[in-house]
Amino acid sequence: MPNGAGALVDGIPPALETIARLIQLSLTPVFLLSALASLLGVFAVRLSHAADQVEEIERKLDEASEEGRDRLKLELDYHRRRTLALDVAVVLAATGGALTGGSVLALFIGAIAKAPLAVPLYILFGAAIVAAIGALAAFVFEMLLASRGLRSRSREAGTR
C-alpha cells in the first residue's frame, strides 16, 4: 500500500519517523566530536608536560656553564618545535569539532526548514574530517619529535 501523507510507516507516524532518522544521522558526527574531544584532552596533557620541561630547562639555564647553556638552548628549541606541532593539532582538532557541530546544526536546520542542506552538510562534515586528519598528522609529528628526543637523550646518557 503506498504511503500517503499522514499514513503510518511500520506503525510509526511520519513526523516521528523523520525525527528518529534525523537523530540517527546526527549521531555519526557526535562520535567524531567525542573522538576530537578526547584528542584535545591528550594534547592538553602533552602541552602541560612540555611546559613543565621548558620551565625546568629555564631554571637550569641560569646556573649552567657556557657549554651547558648551548645544550639547554638546543633543548628549548626542540621543545618549541614540539609545542608548535601540538598547537597545530589543538587548533585543527578544535576546528574539526566546530565544523562537526556545524554539520549537526545543518542537519537540524535542513529538517526544520524542510529543505535538505546537502551541500553545506557535505562541506562542513568533509572539512571536519580533513581537520581531524590534520590534527592526527600534527600529533604524529609531535610524537616522532618526542621519541627522537628521547632516543637522543638516552644516547647522551650512555656516553657520559
N, C-alpha and C. Protein backbone atom coordinates (compact mmCIF):
# COMPACT_ATOMS: atom_id res chain seq x y z
N MET A 1 0.85 -1.17 0.00
CA MET A 1 0.00 0.00 0.00
C MET A 1 0.90 1.24 0.00
N PRO A 2 0.69 2.22 -0.91
CA PRO A 2 1.52 3.42 -0.96
C PRO A 2 1.38 4.24 0.32
N ASN A 3 2.44 4.93 0.63
CA ASN A 3 2.48 5.74 1.85
C ASN A 3 1.98 7.13 1.53
N GLY A 4 0.76 7.43 1.87
CA GLY A 4 0.19 8.75 1.66
C GLY A 4 0.55 9.66 2.81
N ALA A 5 0.26 10.93 2.68
CA ALA A 5 0.55 11.90 3.74
C ALA A 5 -0.20 11.51 4.99
N GLY A 6 0.49 11.43 6.06
CA GLY A 6 -0.12 11.13 7.35
C GLY A 6 -0.30 9.64 7.60
N ALA A 7 0.07 8.78 6.62
CA ALA A 7 -0.08 7.34 6.81
C ALA A 7 1.04 6.81 7.68
N LEU A 8 0.76 5.76 8.42
CA LEU A 8 1.75 5.15 9.29
C LEU A 8 2.74 4.33 8.46
N VAL A 9 4.02 4.37 8.82
CA VAL A 9 5.06 3.55 8.21
C VAL A 9 5.57 2.64 9.31
N ASP A 10 5.36 1.35 9.16
CA ASP A 10 5.73 0.39 10.19
C ASP A 10 5.14 0.78 11.54
N GLY A 11 3.96 1.34 11.55
CA GLY A 11 3.28 1.70 12.79
C GLY A 11 3.79 3.00 13.41
N ILE A 12 4.64 3.75 12.70
CA ILE A 12 5.21 4.99 13.24
C ILE A 12 4.68 6.16 12.42
N PRO A 13 4.19 7.21 13.08
CA PRO A 13 3.74 8.40 12.35
C PRO A 13 4.90 9.01 11.56
N PRO A 14 4.66 9.58 10.37
CA PRO A 14 5.73 10.12 9.53
C PRO A 14 6.60 11.17 10.23
N ALA A 15 6.02 12.05 11.01
CA ALA A 15 6.81 13.09 11.69
C ALA A 15 7.78 12.45 12.67
N LEU A 16 7.33 11.46 13.40
CA LEU A 16 8.19 10.78 14.36
C LEU A 16 9.29 10.01 13.64
N GLU A 17 8.95 9.40 12.51
CA GLU A 17 9.95 8.67 11.73
C GLU A 17 11.03 9.63 11.25
N THR A 18 10.62 10.82 10.79
CA THR A 18 11.58 11.82 10.32
C THR A 18 12.50 12.26 11.46
N ILE A 19 11.94 12.49 12.62
CA ILE A 19 12.75 12.90 13.77
C ILE A 19 13.70 11.79 14.18
N ALA A 20 13.22 10.57 14.20
CA ALA A 20 14.07 9.43 14.57
C ALA A 20 15.23 9.30 13.58
N ARG A 21 14.95 9.45 12.29
CA ARG A 21 16.00 9.37 11.26
C ARG A 21 17.00 10.50 11.43
N LEU A 22 16.52 11.69 11.75
CA LEU A 22 17.38 12.84 11.95
C LEU A 22 18.33 12.60 13.13
N ILE A 23 17.81 12.04 14.21
CA ILE A 23 18.64 11.75 15.38
C ILE A 23 19.69 10.70 15.01
N GLN A 24 19.30 9.68 14.24
CA GLN A 24 20.26 8.68 13.80
C GLN A 24 21.37 9.31 12.98
N LEU A 25 21.01 10.18 12.06
CA LEU A 25 22.01 10.84 11.22
C LEU A 25 22.94 11.74 12.02
N SER A 26 22.41 12.37 13.06
CA SER A 26 23.23 13.30 13.84
C SER A 26 24.18 12.57 14.79
N LEU A 27 23.99 11.27 14.99
CA LEU A 27 24.88 10.53 15.89
C LEU A 27 26.27 10.32 15.30
N THR A 28 26.37 10.14 14.00
CA THR A 28 27.68 9.93 13.38
C THR A 28 28.62 11.10 13.66
N PRO A 29 28.19 12.34 13.41
CA PRO A 29 29.08 13.46 13.74
C PRO A 29 29.38 13.56 15.24
N VAL A 30 28.46 13.13 16.07
CA VAL A 30 28.68 13.21 17.51
C VAL A 30 29.81 12.27 17.93
N PHE A 31 29.93 11.12 17.27
CA PHE A 31 31.05 10.22 17.56
C PHE A 31 32.37 10.88 17.20
N LEU A 32 32.41 11.58 16.07
CA LEU A 32 33.62 12.31 15.69
C LEU A 32 33.91 13.40 16.71
N LEU A 33 32.88 14.09 17.15
CA LEU A 33 33.04 15.15 18.14
C LEU A 33 33.61 14.59 19.44
N SER A 34 33.14 13.44 19.85
CA SER A 34 33.64 12.78 21.07
C SER A 34 35.11 12.39 20.91
N ALA A 35 35.46 11.87 19.75
CA ALA A 35 36.86 11.49 19.50
C ALA A 35 37.76 12.72 19.51
N LEU A 36 37.30 13.81 18.90
CA LEU A 36 38.10 15.03 18.88
C LEU A 36 38.27 15.60 20.29
N ALA A 37 37.23 15.52 21.10
CA ALA A 37 37.33 15.99 22.49
C ALA A 37 38.35 15.16 23.26
N SER A 38 38.37 13.86 23.03
CA SER A 38 39.37 13.01 23.68
C SER A 38 40.77 13.38 23.24
N LEU A 39 40.94 13.61 21.94
CA LEU A 39 42.25 14.02 21.44
C LEU A 39 42.69 15.35 22.06
N LEU A 40 41.77 16.29 22.19
CA LEU A 40 42.12 17.57 22.81
C LEU A 40 42.61 17.37 24.24
N GLY A 41 42.02 16.43 24.95
CA GLY A 41 42.49 16.12 26.31
C GLY A 41 43.91 15.59 26.29
N VAL A 42 44.22 14.70 25.35
CA VAL A 42 45.57 14.16 25.22
C VAL A 42 46.55 15.28 24.88
N PHE A 43 46.15 16.16 23.94
CA PHE A 43 47.03 17.26 23.55
C PHE A 43 47.30 18.18 24.73
N ALA A 44 46.29 18.46 25.53
CA ALA A 44 46.45 19.35 26.69
C ALA A 44 47.44 18.76 27.69
N VAL A 45 47.36 17.47 27.93
CA VAL A 45 48.29 16.81 28.86
C VAL A 45 49.71 16.90 28.32
N ARG A 46 49.88 16.64 27.04
CA ARG A 46 51.22 16.69 26.45
C ARG A 46 51.78 18.11 26.46
N LEU A 47 50.92 19.12 26.20
CA LEU A 47 51.37 20.51 26.26
C LEU A 47 51.79 20.88 27.68
N SER A 48 51.03 20.43 28.65
CA SER A 48 51.35 20.70 30.05
C SER A 48 52.70 20.08 30.42
N HIS A 49 52.92 18.86 29.97
CA HIS A 49 54.18 18.18 30.27
C HIS A 49 55.35 18.92 29.61
N ALA A 50 55.16 19.34 28.36
CA ALA A 50 56.22 20.09 27.67
C ALA A 50 56.49 21.42 28.37
N ALA A 51 55.44 22.09 28.86
CA ALA A 51 55.62 23.35 29.58
C ALA A 51 56.43 23.14 30.86
N ASP A 52 56.15 22.05 31.56
CA ASP A 52 56.92 21.73 32.76
C ASP A 52 58.39 21.51 32.43
N GLN A 53 58.66 20.83 31.34
CA GLN A 53 60.04 20.58 30.93
C GLN A 53 60.74 21.88 30.55
N VAL A 54 60.03 22.78 29.87
CA VAL A 54 60.61 24.07 29.49
C VAL A 54 60.95 24.88 30.75
N GLU A 55 60.07 24.89 31.73
CA GLU A 55 60.34 25.61 32.98
C GLU A 55 61.57 25.04 33.68
N GLU A 56 61.71 23.74 33.68
CA GLU A 56 62.88 23.11 34.31
C GLU A 56 64.16 23.49 33.58
N ILE A 57 64.11 23.49 32.25
CA ILE A 57 65.28 23.87 31.46
C ILE A 57 65.63 25.34 31.71
N GLU A 58 64.63 26.21 31.79
CA GLU A 58 64.89 27.62 32.04
C GLU A 58 65.53 27.84 33.40
N ARG A 59 65.14 27.06 34.41
CA ARG A 59 65.79 27.16 35.73
C ARG A 59 67.25 26.73 35.64
N LYS A 60 67.52 25.67 34.91
CA LYS A 60 68.90 25.18 34.77
C LYS A 60 69.76 26.13 33.96
N LEU A 61 69.14 26.86 33.05
CA LEU A 61 69.86 27.76 32.16
C LEU A 61 70.63 28.82 32.93
N ASP A 62 70.05 29.34 34.01
CA ASP A 62 70.71 30.39 34.80
C ASP A 62 71.99 29.91 35.46
N GLU A 63 72.03 28.62 35.80
CA GLU A 63 73.18 28.09 36.56
C GLU A 63 74.16 27.33 35.69
N ALA A 64 73.88 27.19 34.40
CA ALA A 64 74.69 26.33 33.53
C ALA A 64 75.96 27.02 33.07
N SER A 65 76.97 26.21 32.75
CA SER A 65 78.20 26.71 32.14
C SER A 65 77.89 27.10 30.69
N GLU A 66 78.86 27.68 30.02
CA GLU A 66 78.65 28.10 28.62
C GLU A 66 78.29 26.90 27.74
N GLU A 67 79.00 25.81 27.92
CA GLU A 67 78.71 24.59 27.13
C GLU A 67 77.33 24.04 27.50
N GLY A 68 77.00 24.08 28.77
CA GLY A 68 75.70 23.61 29.23
C GLY A 68 74.57 24.47 28.70
N ARG A 69 74.83 25.79 28.61
CA ARG A 69 73.81 26.70 28.08
C ARG A 69 73.48 26.37 26.62
N ASP A 70 74.52 26.10 25.84
CA ASP A 70 74.29 25.77 24.43
C ASP A 70 73.42 24.51 24.30
N ARG A 71 73.70 23.50 25.11
CA ARG A 71 72.91 22.27 25.07
C ARG A 71 71.48 22.53 25.52
N LEU A 72 71.32 23.34 26.58
CA LEU A 72 69.98 23.65 27.07
C LEU A 72 69.18 24.49 26.06
N LYS A 73 69.86 25.38 25.36
CA LYS A 73 69.18 26.17 24.32
C LYS A 73 68.70 25.27 23.18
N LEU A 74 69.49 24.25 22.85
CA LEU A 74 69.05 23.28 21.84
C LEU A 74 67.82 22.52 22.33
N GLU A 75 67.80 22.18 23.62
CA GLU A 75 66.63 21.50 24.19
C GLU A 75 65.40 22.41 24.15
N LEU A 76 65.59 23.69 24.44
CA LEU A 76 64.46 24.63 24.36
C LEU A 76 63.93 24.72 22.93
N ASP A 77 64.84 24.74 21.96
CA ASP A 77 64.41 24.79 20.57
C ASP A 77 63.63 23.53 20.20
N TYR A 78 64.07 22.38 20.69
CA TYR A 78 63.37 21.11 20.47
C TYR A 78 61.96 21.17 21.06
N HIS A 79 61.82 21.71 22.26
CA HIS A 79 60.50 21.81 22.89
C HIS A 79 59.61 22.83 22.18
N ARG A 80 60.19 23.87 21.62
CA ARG A 80 59.40 24.83 20.83
C ARG A 80 58.78 24.13 19.62
N ARG A 81 59.57 23.30 18.95
CA ARG A 81 59.03 22.56 17.79
C ARG A 81 57.93 21.61 18.22
N ARG A 82 58.13 20.92 19.33
CA ARG A 82 57.10 20.00 19.83
C ARG A 82 55.82 20.75 20.16
N THR A 83 55.94 21.87 20.90
CA THR A 83 54.73 22.59 21.30
C THR A 83 54.06 23.25 20.09
N LEU A 84 54.84 23.64 19.08
CA LEU A 84 54.24 24.18 17.86
C LEU A 84 53.39 23.10 17.17
N ALA A 85 53.92 21.89 17.09
CA ALA A 85 53.16 20.78 16.50
C ALA A 85 51.89 20.52 17.30
N LEU A 86 52.00 20.57 18.62
CA LEU A 86 50.81 20.37 19.46
C LEU A 86 49.82 21.52 19.30
N ASP A 87 50.32 22.74 19.16
CA ASP A 87 49.42 23.88 18.92
C ASP A 87 48.63 23.69 17.64
N VAL A 88 49.31 23.24 16.59
CA VAL A 88 48.63 22.98 15.31
C VAL A 88 47.58 21.90 15.50
N ALA A 89 47.95 20.83 16.22
CA ALA A 89 47.00 19.73 16.46
C ALA A 89 45.78 20.23 17.23
N VAL A 90 45.99 21.07 18.23
CA VAL A 90 44.87 21.60 19.03
C VAL A 90 43.95 22.45 18.16
N VAL A 91 44.53 23.35 17.38
CA VAL A 91 43.72 24.23 16.52
C VAL A 91 42.92 23.40 15.51
N LEU A 92 43.57 22.42 14.90
CA LEU A 92 42.86 21.59 13.91
C LEU A 92 41.77 20.74 14.56
N ALA A 93 42.04 20.18 15.73
CA ALA A 93 41.02 19.36 16.42
C ALA A 93 39.84 20.24 16.85
N ALA A 94 40.13 21.42 17.37
CA ALA A 94 39.05 22.33 17.78
C ALA A 94 38.25 22.79 16.56
N THR A 95 38.94 23.08 15.47
CA THR A 95 38.25 23.46 14.23
C THR A 95 37.38 22.30 13.74
N GLY A 96 37.93 21.10 13.80
CA GLY A 96 37.15 19.92 13.41
C GLY A 96 35.91 19.76 14.28
N GLY A 97 36.05 20.04 15.57
CA GLY A 97 34.90 19.97 16.46
C GLY A 97 33.84 21.00 16.11
N ALA A 98 34.28 22.22 15.82
CA ALA A 98 33.33 23.28 15.45
C ALA A 98 32.63 22.94 14.12
N LEU A 99 33.39 22.42 13.17
CA LEU A 99 32.79 22.04 11.89
C LEU A 99 31.83 20.86 12.06
N THR A 100 32.16 19.95 12.94
CA THR A 100 31.26 18.82 13.22
C THR A 100 29.96 19.33 13.82
N GLY A 101 30.07 20.25 14.78
CA GLY A 101 28.87 20.87 15.35
C GLY A 101 28.06 21.58 14.28
N GLY A 102 28.76 22.23 13.36
CA GLY A 102 28.07 22.90 12.25
C GLY A 102 27.33 21.93 11.36
N SER A 103 27.90 20.74 11.16
CA SER A 103 27.21 19.75 10.32
C SER A 103 25.95 19.23 11.01
N VAL A 104 26.00 19.05 12.33
CA VAL A 104 24.80 18.64 13.06
C VAL A 104 23.74 19.75 12.98
N LEU A 105 24.19 20.98 13.12
CA LEU A 105 23.27 22.11 13.01
C LEU A 105 22.63 22.16 11.62
N ALA A 106 23.43 21.90 10.58
CA ALA A 106 22.89 21.89 9.21
C ALA A 106 21.84 20.80 9.05
N LEU A 107 22.06 19.66 9.70
CA LEU A 107 21.05 18.60 9.66
C LEU A 107 19.72 19.07 10.25
N PHE A 108 19.81 19.69 11.43
CA PHE A 108 18.60 20.13 12.11
C PHE A 108 17.92 21.28 11.38
N ILE A 109 18.68 22.24 10.89
CA ILE A 109 18.09 23.36 10.15
C ILE A 109 17.43 22.85 8.88
N GLY A 110 18.09 21.91 8.20
CA GLY A 110 17.51 21.33 7.00
C GLY A 110 16.20 20.61 7.29
N ALA A 111 16.13 19.94 8.44
CA ALA A 111 14.90 19.22 8.80
C ALA A 111 13.79 20.20 9.17
N ILE A 112 14.14 21.24 9.90
CA ILE A 112 13.13 22.23 10.31
C ILE A 112 12.62 23.00 9.09
N ALA A 113 13.53 23.40 8.22
CA ALA A 113 13.15 24.18 7.03
C ALA A 113 12.56 23.29 5.94
N LYS A 114 12.62 21.99 6.16
CA LYS A 114 12.15 21.01 5.17
C LYS A 114 12.84 21.23 3.82
N ALA A 115 14.09 21.66 3.90
CA ALA A 115 14.91 21.86 2.71
C ALA A 115 16.29 21.28 3.02
N PRO A 116 16.58 20.09 2.53
CA PRO A 116 17.87 19.48 2.83
C PRO A 116 19.03 20.40 2.46
N LEU A 117 19.97 20.50 3.35
CA LEU A 117 21.15 21.32 3.12
C LEU A 117 22.33 20.41 2.80
N ALA A 118 22.20 19.64 1.73
CA ALA A 118 23.19 18.62 1.41
C ALA A 118 24.58 19.22 1.16
N VAL A 119 24.66 20.26 0.36
CA VAL A 119 25.97 20.81 0.02
C VAL A 119 26.67 21.38 1.26
N PRO A 120 25.99 22.24 2.06
CA PRO A 120 26.68 22.72 3.28
C PRO A 120 27.03 21.57 4.23
N LEU A 121 26.16 20.57 4.31
CA LEU A 121 26.43 19.43 5.18
C LEU A 121 27.67 18.69 4.73
N TYR A 122 27.79 18.41 3.43
CA TYR A 122 28.97 17.72 2.90
C TYR A 122 30.23 18.55 3.13
N ILE A 123 30.12 19.84 2.90
CA ILE A 123 31.29 20.71 3.08
C ILE A 123 31.71 20.75 4.54
N LEU A 124 30.75 20.95 5.44
CA LEU A 124 31.08 21.03 6.87
C LEU A 124 31.65 19.72 7.39
N PHE A 125 30.98 18.61 7.11
CA PHE A 125 31.46 17.33 7.63
C PHE A 125 32.76 16.91 6.95
N GLY A 126 32.87 17.16 5.65
CA GLY A 126 34.12 16.85 4.94
C GLY A 126 35.28 17.66 5.50
N ALA A 127 35.05 18.94 5.75
CA ALA A 127 36.11 19.79 6.33
C ALA A 127 36.46 19.33 7.74
N ALA A 128 35.46 18.86 8.49
CA ALA A 128 35.71 18.33 9.84
C ALA A 128 36.61 17.11 9.77
N ILE A 129 36.36 16.23 8.82
CA ILE A 129 37.19 15.04 8.65
C ILE A 129 38.61 15.44 8.27
N VAL A 130 38.74 16.39 7.35
CA VAL A 130 40.07 16.87 6.93
C VAL A 130 40.81 17.48 8.13
N ALA A 131 40.11 18.27 8.94
CA ALA A 131 40.73 18.87 10.13
C ALA A 131 41.15 17.79 11.12
N ALA A 132 40.32 16.78 11.30
CA ALA A 132 40.66 15.68 12.22
C ALA A 132 41.90 14.94 11.73
N ILE A 133 41.97 14.70 10.43
CA ILE A 133 43.15 14.03 9.86
C ILE A 133 44.39 14.91 10.06
N GLY A 134 44.23 16.22 9.84
CA GLY A 134 45.34 17.14 10.06
C GLY A 134 45.80 17.16 11.50
N ALA A 135 44.85 17.13 12.43
CA ALA A 135 45.19 17.09 13.87
C ALA A 135 45.97 15.82 14.19
N LEU A 136 45.53 14.71 13.64
CA LEU A 136 46.24 13.44 13.87
C LEU A 136 47.65 13.49 13.25
N ALA A 137 47.77 14.08 12.08
CA ALA A 137 49.09 14.19 11.43
C ALA A 137 50.02 15.05 12.27
N ALA A 138 49.53 16.18 12.78
CA ALA A 138 50.35 17.04 13.64
C ALA A 138 50.75 16.30 14.92
N PHE A 139 49.83 15.51 15.45
CA PHE A 139 50.11 14.74 16.66
C PHE A 139 51.18 13.67 16.37
N VAL A 140 51.08 13.00 15.24
CA VAL A 140 52.09 12.01 14.88
C VAL A 140 53.46 12.68 14.75
N PHE A 141 53.49 13.87 14.13
CA PHE A 141 54.74 14.61 14.01
C PHE A 141 55.32 14.92 15.39
N GLU A 142 54.47 15.39 16.30
CA GLU A 142 54.93 15.69 17.66
C GLU A 142 55.43 14.43 18.37
N MET A 143 54.74 13.33 18.19
CA MET A 143 55.17 12.07 18.81
C MET A 143 56.53 11.63 18.25
N LEU A 144 56.74 11.80 16.96
CA LEU A 144 58.03 11.46 16.37
C LEU A 144 59.14 12.35 16.92
N LEU A 145 58.84 13.64 17.08
CA LEU A 145 59.81 14.54 17.70
C LEU A 145 60.14 14.10 19.13
N ALA A 146 59.09 13.75 19.88
CA ALA A 146 59.28 13.33 21.27
C ALA A 146 60.11 12.05 21.35
N SER A 147 59.82 11.08 20.50
CA SER A 147 60.57 9.83 20.55
C SER A 147 62.01 10.03 20.08
N ARG A 148 62.19 10.91 19.11
CA ARG A 148 63.55 11.23 18.65
C ARG A 148 64.35 11.89 19.77
N GLY A 149 63.70 12.80 20.48
CA GLY A 149 64.37 13.45 21.61
C GLY A 149 64.71 12.47 22.72
N LEU A 150 63.81 11.53 22.96
CA LEU A 150 64.05 10.50 23.98
C LEU A 150 65.24 9.64 23.60
N ARG A 151 65.30 9.22 22.34
CA ARG A 151 66.44 8.40 21.89
C ARG A 151 67.73 9.20 21.98
N SER A 152 67.67 10.48 21.63
CA SER A 152 68.86 11.33 21.69
C SER A 152 69.37 11.46 23.13
N ARG A 153 68.42 11.69 24.06
CA ARG A 153 68.82 11.81 25.48
C ARG A 153 69.37 10.50 26.02
N SER A 154 68.81 9.38 25.63
CA SER A 154 69.31 8.11 26.13
C SER A 154 70.69 7.81 25.56
N ARG A 155 70.95 8.21 24.30
CA ARG A 155 72.30 8.06 23.72
C ARG A 155 73.29 8.92 24.49
N GLU A 156 72.89 10.18 24.78
CA GLU A 156 73.76 11.09 25.53
C GLU A 156 74.08 10.52 26.91
N ALA A 157 73.07 10.00 27.58
CA ALA A 157 73.28 9.44 28.92
C ALA A 157 74.22 8.23 28.86
N GLY A 158 74.17 7.48 27.78
CA GLY A 158 75.04 6.30 27.63
C GLY A 158 76.47 6.67 27.37
N THR A 159 76.73 7.88 26.86
CA THR A 159 78.11 8.29 26.55
C THR A 159 78.76 9.07 27.68
N ARG A 160 78.00 9.34 28.72
CA ARG A 160 78.59 10.11 29.84
C ARG A 160 79.41 9.24 30.73
